[in-house]
C-alpha atoms as a PDB file:
ATOM      1  CA  VAL A   1      -5.304  -1.770 -24.699  1.00  0.00           C
ATOM      2  CA  GLN A   2      -7.044  -5.067 -25.269  1.00  0.00           C
ATOM      3  CA  LEU A   3      -5.859  -8.610 -24.584  1.00  0.00           C
ATOM      4  CA  VAL A   4      -8.128 -11.493 -25.602  1.00  0.00           C
ATOM      5  CA  GLU A   5      -7.234 -15.060 -24.667  1.00  0.00           C
ATOM      6  CA  SER A   6      -8.542 -18.155 -26.422  1.00  0.00           C
ATOM      7  CA  GLY A   7      -7.786 -21.848 -26.763  1.00  0.00           C
ATOM      8  CA  GLY A   8      -8.776 -23.091 -23.348  1.00  0.00           C
ATOM      9  CA  GLY A   9     -10.945 -26.136 -22.766  1.00  0.00           C
ATOM     10  CA  MET A  10     -11.219 -29.462 -21.022  1.00  0.00           C
ATOM     11  CA  VAL A  11      -8.535 -32.064 -21.578  1.00  0.00           C
ATOM     12  CA  GLN A  12      -7.509 -35.348 -20.011  1.00  0.00           C
ATOM     13  CA  PRO A  13      -4.304 -35.635 -17.974  1.00  0.00           C
ATOM     14  CA  GLY A  14      -1.347 -35.959 -20.309  1.00  0.00           C
ATOM     15  CA  GLY A  15      -3.082 -33.980 -23.023  1.00  0.00           C
ATOM     16  CA  SER A  16      -2.124 -30.729 -24.719  1.00  0.00           C
ATOM     17  CA  LEU A  17      -3.618 -27.327 -25.379  1.00  0.00           C
ATOM     18  CA  ARG A  18      -2.369 -24.204 -27.118  1.00  0.00           C
ATOM     19  CA  LEU A  19      -3.501 -20.874 -25.737  1.00  0.00           C
ATOM     20  CA  SER A  20      -3.465 -17.660 -27.759  1.00  0.00           C
ATOM     21  CA  CYS A  21      -3.657 -14.043 -26.685  1.00  0.00           C
ATOM     22  CA  ALA A  22      -4.563 -11.505 -29.348  1.00  0.00           C
ATOM     23  CA  SER A  23      -3.507  -7.973 -28.515  1.00  0.00           C
ATOM     24  CA  SER A  24      -4.570  -4.567 -29.816  1.00  0.00           C
ATOM     25  CA  GLY A  25      -4.377  -0.912 -28.869  1.00  0.00           C
ATOM     26  CA  PHE A  26      -0.645  -0.803 -28.210  1.00  0.00           C
ATOM     27  CA  THR A  27       2.677  -1.649 -29.850  1.00  0.00           C
ATOM     28  CA  PHE A  28       2.829  -5.338 -28.942  1.00  0.00           C
ATOM     29  CA  SER A  29       6.429  -5.775 -30.054  1.00  0.00           C
ATOM     30  CA  SER A  30       7.609  -3.188 -27.508  1.00  0.00           C
ATOM     31  CA  TYR A  31       6.435  -5.061 -24.434  1.00  0.00           C
ATOM     32  CA  ASP A  32       7.574  -8.144 -22.573  1.00  0.00           C
ATOM     33  CA  MET A  33       4.581 -10.396 -21.932  1.00  0.00           C
ATOM     34  CA  SER A  34       3.547 -13.147 -19.534  1.00  0.00           C
ATOM     35  CA  TRP A  35       0.988 -15.810 -18.811  1.00  0.00           C
ATOM     36  CA  VAL A  36      -0.497 -15.915 -15.319  1.00  0.00           C
ATOM     37  CA  ARG A  37      -3.020 -18.421 -13.982  1.00  0.00           C
ATOM     38  CA  GLN A  38      -5.439 -18.549 -11.101  1.00  0.00           C
ATOM     39  CA  ALA A  39      -6.858 -21.768  -9.747  1.00  0.00           C
ATOM     40  CA  PRO A  40     -10.162 -21.829  -7.858  1.00  0.00           C
ATOM     41  CA  GLY A  41      -9.718 -20.520  -4.335  1.00  0.00           C
ATOM     42  CA  LYS A  42      -6.087 -19.542  -4.878  1.00  0.00           C
ATOM     43  CA  GLY A  43      -4.190 -16.381  -5.710  1.00  0.00           C
ATOM     44  CA  PRO A  44      -2.717 -15.645  -9.118  1.00  0.00           C
ATOM     45  CA  GLU A  45       0.392 -17.621 -10.068  1.00  0.00           C
ATOM     46  CA  TRP A  46       2.879 -16.426 -12.652  1.00  0.00           C
ATOM     47  CA  VAL A  47       3.485 -19.137 -15.280  1.00  0.00           C
ATOM     48  CA  SER A  48       5.812 -17.877 -17.999  1.00  0.00           C
ATOM     49  CA  ALA A  49       7.274 -14.764 -19.604  1.00  0.00           C
ATOM     50  CA  VAL A  50       8.878 -13.792 -22.907  1.00  0.00           C
ATOM     51  CA  ASN A  51      10.881 -10.736 -23.873  1.00  0.00           C
ATOM     52  CA  THR A  52       9.990  -8.375 -26.712  1.00  0.00           C
ATOM     53  CA  GLY A  53      11.862 -10.271 -29.403  1.00  0.00           C
ATOM     54  CA  GLY A  54      10.900 -13.743 -28.214  1.00  0.00           C
ATOM     55  CA  GLY A  55      14.482 -14.838 -27.710  1.00  0.00           C
ATOM     56  CA  SER A  56      14.403 -14.989 -23.905  1.00  0.00           C
ATOM     57  CA  THR A  57      11.825 -17.066 -22.060  1.00  0.00           C
ATOM     58  CA  TYR A  58      11.178 -17.756 -18.387  1.00  0.00           C
ATOM     59  CA  TYR A  59       9.110 -20.447 -16.662  1.00  0.00           C
ATOM     60  CA  ALA A  60       7.796 -21.277 -13.235  1.00  0.00           C
ATOM     61  CA  ASP A  61       9.306 -24.480 -11.892  1.00  0.00           C
ATOM     62  CA  SER A  62       5.849 -26.069 -11.901  1.00  0.00           C
ATOM     63  CA  VAL A  63       5.593 -25.889 -15.716  1.00  0.00           C
ATOM     64  CA  LYS A  64       9.216 -25.991 -16.832  1.00  0.00           C
ATOM     65  CA  GLY A  65       9.757 -28.645 -19.492  1.00  0.00           C
ATOM     66  CA  ARG A  66       6.025 -28.952 -20.222  1.00  0.00           C
ATOM     67  CA  PHE A  67       4.959 -25.460 -21.338  1.00  0.00           C
ATOM     68  CA  THR A  68       6.430 -23.285 -24.095  1.00  0.00           C
ATOM     69  CA  ILE A  69       5.765 -19.574 -24.453  1.00  0.00           C
ATOM     70  CA  SER A  70       6.178 -17.829 -27.780  1.00  0.00           C
ATOM     71  CA  ARG A  71       5.035 -14.734 -29.636  1.00  0.00           C
ATOM     72  CA  ASP A  72       4.399 -13.569 -33.174  1.00  0.00           C
ATOM     73  CA  ASN A  73       4.968  -9.836 -33.294  1.00  0.00           C
ATOM     74  CA  ALA A  74       3.696  -9.634 -36.868  1.00  0.00           C
ATOM     75  CA  LYS A  75       0.358 -10.992 -35.667  1.00  0.00           C
ATOM     76  CA  ASN A  76       0.405  -9.190 -32.285  1.00  0.00           C
ATOM     77  CA  THR A  77      -0.230 -12.525 -30.604  1.00  0.00           C
ATOM     78  CA  LEU A  78       1.168 -14.360 -27.595  1.00  0.00           C
ATOM     79  CA  TYR A  79       1.026 -18.159 -27.284  1.00  0.00           C
ATOM     80  CA  LEU A  80       1.359 -20.821 -24.635  1.00  0.00           C
ATOM     81  CA  GLN A  81       1.821 -24.422 -25.736  1.00  0.00           C
ATOM     82  CA  MET A  82       0.930 -26.701 -22.847  1.00  0.00           C
ATOM     83  CA  ASN A  83       1.898 -30.367 -22.970  1.00  0.00           C
ATOM     84  CA  SER A  84       1.706 -33.216 -20.440  1.00  0.00           C
ATOM     85  CA  LEU A  85      -1.070 -31.412 -18.635  1.00  0.00           C
ATOM     86  CA  LYS A  86      -1.828 -32.323 -15.034  1.00  0.00           C
ATOM     87  CA  PRO A  87      -4.965 -31.803 -12.941  1.00  0.00           C
ATOM     88  CA  GLU A  88      -3.068 -29.166 -10.939  1.00  0.00           C
ATOM     89  CA  ASP A  89      -2.782 -27.094 -14.136  1.00  0.00           C
ATOM     90  CA  THR A  90      -6.531 -26.462 -13.947  1.00  0.00           C
ATOM     91  CA  ALA A  91      -6.995 -22.686 -13.749  1.00  0.00           C
ATOM     92  CA  LEU A  92      -8.101 -19.550 -15.514  1.00  0.00           C
ATOM     93  CA  TYR A  93      -5.185 -18.483 -17.693  1.00  0.00           C
ATOM     94  CA  TYR A  94      -4.507 -14.811 -18.365  1.00  0.00           C
ATOM     95  CA  CYS A  95      -2.052 -13.033 -20.595  1.00  0.00           C
ATOM     96  CA  ALA A  96      -0.586  -9.876 -19.107  1.00  0.00           C
ATOM     97  CA  ARG A  97       1.413  -6.931 -20.390  1.00  0.00           C
ATOM     98  CA  ARG A  98       4.534  -6.051 -18.452  1.00  0.00           C
ATOM     99  CA  THR A  99       5.402  -2.456 -17.560  1.00  0.00           C
ATOM    100  CA  SER A 100       9.122  -3.082 -17.002  1.00  0.00           C
ATOM    101  CA  LEU A 101      11.666  -5.107 -18.904  1.00  0.00           C
ATOM    102  CA  LEU A 102      12.315  -8.642 -17.689  1.00  0.00           C
ATOM    103  CA  ASP A 103      15.914  -7.786 -16.814  1.00  0.00           C
ATOM    104  CA  GLN A 104      14.759  -4.980 -14.513  1.00  0.00           C
ATOM    105  CA  ALA A 105      12.564  -6.954 -12.123  1.00  0.00           C
ATOM    106  CA  PRO A 106      11.746 -10.633 -11.435  1.00  0.00           C
ATOM    107  CA  PRO A 107       9.417 -12.147 -14.045  1.00  0.00           C
ATOM    108  CA  ASP A 108       7.087 -13.434 -11.327  1.00  0.00           C
ATOM    109  CA  SER A 109       6.511 -10.017  -9.752  1.00  0.00           C
ATOM    110  CA  LEU A 110       2.832  -9.452 -10.515  1.00  0.00           C
ATOM    111  CA  ARG A 111       3.066  -5.741  -9.693  1.00  0.00           C
ATOM    112  CA  GLU A 112       5.030  -5.353 -12.944  1.00  0.00           C
ATOM    113  CA  TYR A 113       1.959  -6.100 -15.077  1.00  0.00           C
ATOM    114  CA  ASP A 114      -0.533  -3.377 -15.957  1.00  0.00           C
ATOM    115  CA  TYR A 115      -3.043  -4.921 -18.372  1.00  0.00           C
ATOM    116  CA  TRP A 116      -4.595  -8.372 -18.213  1.00  0.00           C
ATOM    117  CA  GLY A 117      -7.036 -10.173 -20.459  1.00  0.00           C
ATOM    118  CA  GLN A 118     -10.313 -11.739 -19.329  1.00  0.00           C
ATOM    119  CA  GLY A 119      -8.807 -15.199 -19.189  1.00  0.00           C
ATOM    120  CA  THR A 120      -9.467 -18.590 -20.753  1.00  0.00           C
ATOM    121  CA  GLN A 121     -10.395 -21.620 -18.668  1.00  0.00           C
ATOM    122  CA  VAL A 122      -8.230 -24.735 -18.727  1.00  0.00           C
ATOM    123  CA  THR A 123      -9.598 -27.837 -17.024  1.00  0.00           C
ATOM    124  CA  VAL A 124      -7.548 -31.009 -16.779  1.00  0.00           C
ATOM    125  CA  SER A 125      -9.627 -33.941 -15.650  1.00  0.00           C
ATOM    126  CA  SER A 126     -10.270 -37.567 -16.466  1.00  0.00           C
END
């Protein structure tokens, strides 16, 4: 199993970024997926999740209305479109594969995720 994130960078407040997570080594379309972030000196924070087909999405209150999660099962890739970025969005962003379905356990339960990528850094600063 391999998950490789990309698309991070430095952006000014109010800006946008689109993160990608390329997967390999497993049947991507069979797994619900999430984005999780970790800010310096803090624990991991679940950000967003999407079910296998992409039709059901979930968001942390802190990003709701600003971030959009999506997936392309034909390309085995997960995305996170981030708009109206704030300095508090600064973190290392990881994609993670979920072991259970989203209707079986809360989307923000980090124990439900078994594989994580290496992360891509997002810095929001003026």
